[in-house]
């Protein structure tokens, strides 16, 4: 078997990205358990699952620029969903503050 360095780099990058995604999902579940459930937290959790998928795409597929592009697109989609969820969260928090006044 011919071991190339770029195979190893892709696998290690995929494993690290996947572990980071798993950590984010666990923290998201803990936050939902402590603070309660709403739509913005669900969107944050969905975006964190995209990080796990990006890591799995790199780790479990053979080397190719296609999988790096898929990984980058999933991470960008994660950022877009996170920014959308943050806007929802700030609107929810603004609504709660107006009810208090």
Protein backbone atom coordinates (compact mmCIF):
# COMPACT_ATOMS: atom_id res chain seq x y z
CA UNK A 1 0.00 0.00 0.00
CA UNK A 2 1.32 3.38 -0.98
CA UNK A 3 0.92 5.82 1.91
CA UNK A 4 0.93 9.42 0.85
CA UNK A 5 1.24 12.36 3.20
CA UNK A 6 -1.83 14.12 1.82
CA UNK A 7 -4.01 11.10 2.70
CA UNK A 8 -2.79 11.39 6.27
CA UNK A 9 -3.31 15.16 6.38
CA UNK A 10 -6.89 14.81 5.12
CA UNK A 11 -7.71 12.05 7.61
CA UNK A 12 -6.24 13.94 10.57
CA UNK A 13 -8.01 17.16 9.56
CA UNK A 14 -11.30 15.25 9.22
CA UNK A 15 -10.89 13.64 12.64
CA UNK A 16 -10.11 16.98 14.31
CA UNK A 17 -13.04 18.71 12.62
CA UNK A 18 -15.34 15.83 13.57
CA UNK A 19 -14.23 15.89 17.22
CA UNK A 20 -14.77 19.66 17.32
CA UNK A 21 -18.29 19.15 15.90
CA UNK A 22 -19.08 16.46 18.46
CA UNK A 23 -17.93 18.79 21.24
CA UNK A 24 -20.21 21.55 19.92
CA UNK A 25 -23.20 19.19 19.72
CA UNK A 26 -22.65 17.97 23.29
CA UNK A 27 -22.39 21.55 24.56
CA UNK A 28 -25.53 22.44 22.58
CA UNK A 29 -27.50 19.58 24.14
CA UNK A 30 -26.31 20.58 27.61
CA UNK A 31 -27.35 24.18 26.96
CA UNK A 32 -30.80 23.05 25.82
CA UNK A 33 -31.20 20.89 28.92
CA UNK A 34 -30.20 23.74 31.26
CA UNK A 35 -31.89 26.72 29.60
CA UNK A 36 -34.81 25.23 27.71
CA UNK A 37 -35.64 24.74 24.05
CA UNK A 38 -36.36 27.29 21.34
CA UNK A 39 -35.91 27.57 17.58
CA UNK A 40 -32.57 29.39 17.69
CA UNK A 41 -31.01 26.62 19.79
CA UNK A 42 -32.32 24.05 17.32
CA UNK A 43 -30.68 25.97 14.47
CA UNK A 44 -27.39 26.17 16.37
CA UNK A 45 -27.55 22.41 16.93
CA UNK A 46 -28.32 21.75 13.26
CA UNK A 47 -25.34 23.88 12.26
CA UNK A 48 -23.11 21.93 14.65
CA UNK A 49 -24.16 18.67 12.98
CA UNK A 50 -22.88 20.15 9.71
CA UNK A 51 -19.43 20.42 11.29
CA UNK A 52 -19.56 16.70 12.11
CA UNK A 53 -20.57 15.95 8.52
CA UNK A 54 -17.68 18.07 7.23
CA UNK A 55 -15.23 16.11 9.35
CA UNK A 56 -16.73 12.80 8.26
CA UNK A 57 -16.53 13.83 4.61
CA UNK A 58 -12.80 14.35 4.98
CA UNK A 59 -12.05 11.39 7.24
CA UNK A 60 -14.01 8.64 5.51
CA UNK A 61 -13.46 9.43 1.84
CA UNK A 62 -10.42 9.01 -0.33
CA UNK A 63 -8.28 12.02 -1.06
CA UNK A 64 -9.73 14.52 -3.46
CA UNK A 65 -10.25 18.21 -3.88
CA UNK A 66 -14.00 17.53 -4.10
CA UNK A 67 -14.14 16.50 -0.43
CA UNK A 68 -12.19 19.56 0.66
CA UNK A 69 -14.67 21.75 -1.23
CA UNK A 70 -17.59 19.88 0.37
CA UNK A 71 -16.01 20.41 3.79
CA UNK A 72 -15.50 24.13 3.19
CA UNK A 73 -19.07 24.52 1.90
CA UNK A 74 -20.48 22.72 4.95
CA UNK A 75 -18.48 24.97 7.27
CA UNK A 76 -19.68 28.07 5.40
CA UNK A 77 -23.26 26.80 5.62
CA UNK A 78 -22.67 26.34 9.35
CA UNK A 79 -21.61 29.99 9.65
CA UNK A 80 -24.67 31.17 7.68
CA UNK A 81 -27.08 29.14 9.84
CA UNK A 82 -25.33 30.34 13.02
CA UNK A 83 -25.66 33.99 12.02
CA UNK A 84 -29.35 33.46 11.18
CA UNK A 85 -29.91 31.70 14.52
CA UNK A 86 -28.12 34.52 16.34
CA UNK A 87 -30.45 37.07 14.74
CA UNK A 88 -33.45 35.02 15.89
CA UNK A 89 -31.95 34.77 19.38
CA UNK A 90 -31.44 38.54 19.64
CA UNK A 91 -35.02 39.17 18.49
CA UNK A 92 -36.31 36.73 21.10
CA UNK A 93 -34.22 38.41 23.79
CA UNK A 94 -35.39 41.86 22.67
CA UNK A 95 -38.99 40.68 22.91
CA UNK A 96 -38.43 39.43 26.46
CA UNK A 97 -36.91 42.75 27.48
CA UNK A 98 -39.86 44.69 26.08
CA UNK A 99 -42.24 42.49 28.07
CA UNK A 100 -40.36 43.23 31.29
CA UNK A 101 -40.59 47.02 30.86
